[in-house]
Amino acid sequence: MKTVKAPTSDIWIDSLIDSLKDPQEAAAYLEAVLESEAGDSELLSVALQDVLKALGDSQLSSKATQHHLGKIDDILSKPGSEAIYELAQWLKPLGLQLTVTIAEFEERSTQTPQKL
């Protein structure tokens, strides 16, 4: 049997970043990551970096983009509500905001209430 070596390529990431230049796509991408049951801060960090790459050029100076990039890990290492408020502030210069919506009925009926 012949071994086939797939070429390594970053074409998919370029395509992702290009699609995230649309703020609605970027918001939907972050929403999907935040709603994932994995709750993985590393995944969220990568998603925030992707959105920053996509929106940073048009919204921030190069220096501000680098500063913003450096804040991601700091924000995600903060406890609970502090992280939420800092993330909300982090998103504003990119033209994004955090929102709360009503869960779909099916989701609400299968979840047990959790205390904060």
N, C-alpha and C. Protein backbone atom coordinates (compact mmCIF):
# COMPACT_ATOMS: atom_id res chain seq x y z
N MET A 1 0.84 -1.18 0.00
CA MET A 1 0.00 0.00 0.00
C MET A 1 0.89 1.24 0.00
N LYS A 2 0.55 2.18 -0.81
CA LYS A 2 1.32 3.39 -0.96
C LYS A 2 0.88 4.42 0.07
N THR A 3 1.84 5.05 0.75
CA THR A 3 1.54 6.08 1.73
C THR A 3 1.39 7.41 1.01
N VAL A 4 0.29 8.08 1.30
CA VAL A 4 0.04 9.37 0.70
C VAL A 4 0.23 10.42 1.78
N LYS A 5 1.05 11.39 1.47
CA LYS A 5 1.30 12.48 2.42
C LYS A 5 0.52 13.70 1.96
N ALA A 6 -0.40 14.13 2.82
CA ALA A 6 -1.21 15.30 2.48
C ALA A 6 -0.37 16.55 2.67
N PRO A 7 -0.47 17.48 1.74
CA PRO A 7 0.28 18.72 1.88
C PRO A 7 -0.26 19.53 3.07
N THR A 8 0.66 20.12 3.80
CA THR A 8 0.21 20.98 4.89
C THR A 8 -0.06 22.35 4.30
N SER A 9 -1.18 22.92 4.70
CA SER A 9 -1.58 24.19 4.12
C SER A 9 -2.38 24.98 5.14
N ASP A 10 -2.26 26.28 5.06
CA ASP A 10 -3.01 27.16 5.92
C ASP A 10 -4.14 27.84 5.15
N ILE A 11 -4.51 27.26 4.01
CA ILE A 11 -5.56 27.86 3.20
C ILE A 11 -6.86 27.95 3.98
N TRP A 12 -7.17 26.95 4.78
CA TRP A 12 -8.43 26.95 5.54
C TRP A 12 -8.45 28.09 6.55
N ILE A 13 -7.32 28.37 7.20
CA ILE A 13 -7.30 29.46 8.19
C ILE A 13 -7.44 30.80 7.48
N ASP A 14 -6.83 30.94 6.31
CA ASP A 14 -6.99 32.17 5.54
C ASP A 14 -8.46 32.38 5.16
N SER A 15 -9.12 31.30 4.78
CA SER A 15 -10.54 31.36 4.43
C SER A 15 -11.38 31.73 5.65
N LEU A 16 -11.05 31.13 6.81
CA LEU A 16 -11.77 31.45 8.04
C LEU A 16 -11.62 32.93 8.39
N ILE A 17 -10.38 33.40 8.40
CA ILE A 17 -10.12 34.81 8.74
C ILE A 17 -10.85 35.73 7.78
N ASP A 18 -10.85 35.39 6.50
CA ASP A 18 -11.55 36.20 5.50
C ASP A 18 -13.05 36.25 5.80
N SER A 19 -13.65 35.12 6.19
CA SER A 19 -15.08 35.10 6.49
C SER A 19 -15.39 35.89 7.77
N LEU A 20 -14.44 35.89 8.72
CA LEU A 20 -14.65 36.59 9.98
C LEU A 20 -14.53 38.11 9.86
N LYS A 21 -14.14 38.60 8.69
CA LYS A 21 -14.09 40.05 8.47
C LYS A 21 -15.50 40.64 8.45
N ASP A 22 -16.49 39.78 8.25
CA ASP A 22 -17.89 40.18 8.37
C ASP A 22 -18.23 40.11 9.86
N PRO A 23 -18.54 41.25 10.50
CA PRO A 23 -18.81 41.24 11.95
C PRO A 23 -19.90 40.26 12.37
N GLN A 24 -20.90 40.03 11.51
CA GLN A 24 -21.94 39.06 11.85
C GLN A 24 -21.36 37.64 11.91
N GLU A 25 -20.47 37.33 11.00
CA GLU A 25 -19.81 36.02 11.01
C GLU A 25 -18.92 35.88 12.24
N ALA A 26 -18.21 36.95 12.57
CA ALA A 26 -17.34 36.92 13.74
C ALA A 26 -18.15 36.72 15.01
N ALA A 27 -19.28 37.41 15.11
CA ALA A 27 -20.15 37.27 16.29
C ALA A 27 -20.71 35.85 16.37
N ALA A 28 -21.13 35.30 15.26
CA ALA A 28 -21.68 33.94 15.25
C ALA A 28 -20.60 32.92 15.62
N TYR A 29 -19.40 33.14 15.16
CA TYR A 29 -18.26 32.25 15.47
C TYR A 29 -17.99 32.26 16.97
N LEU A 30 -17.91 33.44 17.57
CA LEU A 30 -17.67 33.53 19.01
C LEU A 30 -18.84 32.95 19.79
N GLU A 31 -20.04 33.20 19.33
CA GLU A 31 -21.22 32.64 20.00
C GLU A 31 -21.17 31.12 20.00
N ALA A 32 -20.82 30.53 18.88
CA ALA A 32 -20.73 29.07 18.80
C ALA A 32 -19.68 28.52 19.76
N VAL A 33 -18.55 29.19 19.85
CA VAL A 33 -17.50 28.75 20.77
C VAL A 33 -17.96 28.89 22.21
N LEU A 34 -18.58 30.01 22.54
CA LEU A 34 -19.04 30.25 23.90
C LEU A 34 -20.16 29.30 24.31
N GLU A 35 -20.97 28.87 23.35
CA GLU A 35 -22.07 27.97 23.65
C GLU A 35 -21.67 26.50 23.61
N SER A 36 -20.47 26.21 23.15
CA SER A 36 -20.05 24.81 23.08
C SER A 36 -19.96 24.24 24.49
N GLU A 37 -20.31 22.99 24.60
CA GLU A 37 -20.31 22.35 25.90
C GLU A 37 -18.91 22.05 26.41
N ALA A 38 -17.94 22.19 25.55
CA ALA A 38 -16.56 21.90 25.96
C ALA A 38 -16.07 22.89 27.01
N GLY A 39 -16.49 24.14 26.88
CA GLY A 39 -16.06 25.17 27.82
C GLY A 39 -14.55 25.29 27.91
N ASP A 40 -13.89 25.19 26.78
CA ASP A 40 -12.44 25.15 26.71
C ASP A 40 -11.87 26.56 26.53
N SER A 41 -11.12 27.04 27.52
CA SER A 41 -10.57 28.40 27.43
C SER A 41 -9.52 28.50 26.33
N GLU A 42 -8.85 27.40 26.02
CA GLU A 42 -7.86 27.43 24.92
C GLU A 42 -8.58 27.63 23.59
N LEU A 43 -9.71 26.97 23.41
CA LEU A 43 -10.50 27.13 22.19
C LEU A 43 -11.01 28.56 22.08
N LEU A 44 -11.47 29.12 23.20
CA LEU A 44 -11.94 30.50 23.21
C LEU A 44 -10.80 31.45 22.89
N SER A 45 -9.63 31.19 23.42
CA SER A 45 -8.46 32.03 23.15
C SER A 45 -8.15 32.04 21.66
N VAL A 46 -8.17 30.88 21.03
CA VAL A 46 -7.89 30.79 19.59
C VAL A 46 -8.97 31.52 18.79
N ALA A 47 -10.23 31.36 19.20
CA ALA A 47 -11.33 32.03 18.50
C ALA A 47 -11.20 33.55 18.61
N LEU A 48 -10.84 34.04 19.80
CA LEU A 48 -10.66 35.48 19.97
C LEU A 48 -9.49 35.99 19.12
N GLN A 49 -8.43 35.21 19.03
CA GLN A 49 -7.29 35.58 18.18
C GLN A 49 -7.71 35.63 16.72
N ASP A 50 -8.52 34.66 16.29
CA ASP A 50 -9.00 34.63 14.91
C ASP A 50 -9.82 35.88 14.61
N VAL A 51 -10.72 36.23 15.52
CA VAL A 51 -11.57 37.41 15.32
C VAL A 51 -10.71 38.68 15.31
N LEU A 52 -9.73 38.74 16.20
CA LEU A 52 -8.84 39.90 16.21
C LEU A 52 -8.07 40.02 14.90
N LYS A 53 -7.59 38.90 14.36
CA LYS A 53 -6.89 38.94 13.07
C LYS A 53 -7.82 39.47 11.98
N ALA A 54 -9.07 39.06 12.03
CA ALA A 54 -10.02 39.45 10.99
C ALA A 54 -10.47 40.90 11.11
N LEU A 55 -10.79 41.33 12.32
CA LEU A 55 -11.37 42.66 12.51
C LEU A 55 -10.36 43.71 12.95
N GLY A 56 -9.23 43.28 13.47
CA GLY A 56 -8.26 44.22 14.01
C GLY A 56 -7.72 45.20 12.98
N ASP A 57 -7.45 44.73 11.78
CA ASP A 57 -6.88 45.61 10.75
C ASP A 57 -7.79 46.79 10.43
N SER A 58 -9.08 46.54 10.39
CA SER A 58 -10.00 47.62 10.02
C SER A 58 -10.46 48.45 11.22
N GLN A 59 -10.30 47.94 12.43
CA GLN A 59 -10.82 48.63 13.61
C GLN A 59 -9.73 49.23 14.50
N LEU A 60 -8.53 48.67 14.46
CA LEU A 60 -7.46 49.08 15.38
C LEU A 60 -6.17 49.38 14.64
N SER A 61 -5.32 50.19 15.27
CA SER A 61 -3.98 50.39 14.73
C SER A 61 -3.18 49.11 14.96
N SER A 62 -2.05 49.00 14.30
CA SER A 62 -1.19 47.83 14.47
C SER A 62 -0.75 47.67 15.93
N LYS A 63 -0.39 48.78 16.55
CA LYS A 63 0.04 48.76 17.95
C LYS A 63 -1.11 48.34 18.86
N ALA A 64 -2.30 48.87 18.62
CA ALA A 64 -3.47 48.52 19.44
C ALA A 64 -3.83 47.05 19.25
N THR A 65 -3.68 46.54 18.03
CA THR A 65 -3.95 45.13 17.77
C THR A 65 -3.01 44.25 18.58
N GLN A 66 -1.74 44.58 18.61
CA GLN A 66 -0.77 43.81 19.40
C GLN A 66 -1.09 43.87 20.89
N HIS A 67 -1.48 45.04 21.37
CA HIS A 67 -1.87 45.20 22.77
C HIS A 67 -3.10 44.34 23.08
N HIS A 68 -4.06 44.38 22.17
CA HIS A 68 -5.29 43.60 22.32
C HIS A 68 -4.98 42.10 22.36
N LEU A 69 -4.08 41.68 21.50
CA LEU A 69 -3.67 40.27 21.45
C LEU A 69 -3.08 39.84 22.79
N GLY A 70 -2.27 40.69 23.37
CA GLY A 70 -1.63 40.38 24.64
C GLY A 70 -2.59 40.28 25.81
N LYS A 71 -3.78 40.85 25.68
CA LYS A 71 -4.74 40.85 26.77
C LYS A 71 -5.59 39.57 26.84
N ILE A 72 -5.62 38.78 25.79
CA ILE A 72 -6.51 37.62 25.73
C ILE A 72 -6.27 36.65 26.89
N ASP A 73 -5.05 36.19 27.05
CA ASP A 73 -4.76 35.22 28.10
C ASP A 73 -5.00 35.79 29.49
N ASP A 74 -4.71 37.08 29.66
CA ASP A 74 -4.95 37.73 30.94
C ASP A 74 -6.45 37.73 31.27
N ILE A 75 -7.26 38.06 30.30
CA ILE A 75 -8.72 38.09 30.51
C ILE A 75 -9.23 36.70 30.86
N LEU A 76 -8.78 35.69 30.11
CA LEU A 76 -9.29 34.34 30.32
C LEU A 76 -8.79 33.71 31.61
N SER A 77 -7.78 34.29 32.22
CA SER A 77 -7.28 33.75 33.49
C SER A 77 -7.98 34.38 34.70
N LYS A 78 -8.81 35.38 34.46
CA LYS A 78 -9.51 36.06 35.55
C LYS A 78 -10.70 35.22 36.01
N PRO A 79 -11.11 35.43 37.25
CA PRO A 79 -12.27 34.68 37.76
C PRO A 79 -13.59 35.24 37.22
N GLY A 80 -14.55 34.37 37.03
CA GLY A 80 -15.94 34.62 36.67
C GLY A 80 -16.33 35.96 36.11
N SER A 81 -17.03 36.74 36.93
CA SER A 81 -17.62 37.99 36.43
C SER A 81 -16.57 38.99 35.98
N GLU A 82 -15.40 38.97 36.59
CA GLU A 82 -14.33 39.88 36.17
C GLU A 82 -13.94 39.59 34.71
N ALA A 83 -13.84 38.30 34.37
CA ALA A 83 -13.49 37.91 33.00
C ALA A 83 -14.59 38.33 32.03
N ILE A 84 -15.84 38.19 32.44
CA ILE A 84 -16.96 38.56 31.57
C ILE A 84 -16.91 40.05 31.25
N TYR A 85 -16.75 40.87 32.28
CA TYR A 85 -16.73 42.31 32.05
C TYR A 85 -15.51 42.74 31.22
N GLU A 86 -14.38 42.13 31.48
CA GLU A 86 -13.19 42.49 30.70
C GLU A 86 -13.31 42.03 29.25
N LEU A 87 -13.93 40.85 29.04
CA LEU A 87 -14.15 40.38 27.67
C LEU A 87 -15.08 41.34 26.94
N ALA A 88 -16.11 41.80 27.62
CA ALA A 88 -17.04 42.77 27.01
C ALA A 88 -16.29 44.02 26.58
N GLN A 89 -15.39 44.51 27.43
CA GLN A 89 -14.59 45.70 27.09
C GLN A 89 -13.63 45.40 25.95
N TRP A 90 -13.08 44.19 25.91
CA TRP A 90 -12.14 43.78 24.88
C TRP A 90 -12.82 43.76 23.51
N LEU A 91 -14.08 43.35 23.48
CA LEU A 91 -14.81 43.23 22.22
C LEU A 91 -15.23 44.57 21.63
N LYS A 92 -15.47 45.57 22.47
CA LYS A 92 -16.00 46.86 22.00
C LYS A 92 -15.20 47.50 20.88
N PRO A 93 -13.86 47.61 20.99
CA PRO A 93 -13.11 48.25 19.90
C PRO A 93 -13.18 47.49 18.57
N LEU A 94 -13.60 46.23 18.64
CA LEU A 94 -13.74 45.44 17.41
C LEU A 94 -15.14 45.57 16.82
N GLY A 95 -15.99 46.36 17.50
CA GLY A 95 -17.36 46.54 17.02
C GLY A 95 -18.28 45.41 17.43
N LEU A 96 -17.91 44.67 18.45
CA LEU A 96 -18.72 43.54 18.93
C LEU A 96 -19.12 43.78 20.38
N GLN A 97 -20.16 43.07 20.82
CA GLN A 97 -20.58 43.17 22.21
C GLN A 97 -21.14 41.84 22.67
N LEU A 98 -21.09 41.62 23.98
CA LEU A 98 -21.70 40.43 24.57
C LEU A 98 -23.18 40.70 24.76
N THR A 99 -24.00 39.68 24.54
CA THR A 99 -25.42 39.81 24.78
C THR A 99 -25.94 38.55 25.46
N VAL A 100 -27.11 38.68 26.06
CA VAL A 100 -27.79 37.54 26.67
C VAL A 100 -29.11 37.39 25.94
N THR A 101 -29.43 36.16 25.54
CA THR A 101 -30.69 35.89 24.86
C THR A 101 -31.42 34.76 25.57
N ILE A 102 -32.66 34.59 25.22
CA ILE A 102 -33.47 33.52 25.79
C ILE A 102 -33.07 32.21 25.11
N ALA A 103 -32.85 31.18 25.93
CA ALA A 103 -32.51 29.87 25.38
C ALA A 103 -33.73 29.27 24.68
N GLU A 104 -33.49 28.49 23.66
CA GLU A 104 -34.57 27.80 22.98
C GLU A 104 -35.31 26.92 23.99
N PHE A 105 -36.60 26.74 23.82
CA PHE A 105 -37.41 25.99 24.78
C PHE A 105 -36.85 24.60 25.03
N GLU A 106 -36.42 23.92 23.99
CA GLU A 106 -35.87 22.57 24.12
C GLU A 106 -34.64 22.58 25.01
N GLU A 107 -33.78 23.58 24.85
CA GLU A 107 -32.58 23.69 25.67
C GLU A 107 -32.94 23.95 27.13
N ARG A 108 -33.91 24.83 27.35
CA ARG A 108 -34.29 25.18 28.73
C ARG A 108 -34.89 24.00 29.45
N SER A 109 -35.67 23.19 28.77
CA SER A 109 -36.35 22.09 29.43
C SER A 109 -35.41 20.94 29.79
N THR A 110 -34.26 20.85 29.14
CA THR A 110 -33.34 19.76 29.43
C THR A 110 -32.22 20.16 30.38
N GLN A 111 -32.11 21.43 30.68
CA GLN A 111 -31.03 21.89 31.55
C GLN A 111 -31.53 22.05 32.97
N THR A 112 -30.64 21.78 33.91
CA THR A 112 -30.98 22.00 35.31
C THR A 112 -30.43 23.36 35.70
N PRO A 113 -31.16 24.08 36.53
CA PRO A 113 -30.68 25.41 36.95
C PRO A 113 -29.36 25.31 37.69
N GLN A 114 -28.49 26.27 37.46
CA GLN A 114 -27.21 26.31 38.14
C GLN A 114 -27.09 27.62 38.90
N LYS A 115 -26.53 27.53 40.08
CA LYS A 115 -26.27 28.74 40.86
C LYS A 115 -24.93 29.30 40.47
N LEU A 116 -24.82 30.61 40.48
CA LEU A 116 -23.54 31.28 40.18
C LEU A 116 -22.70 31.39 41.40
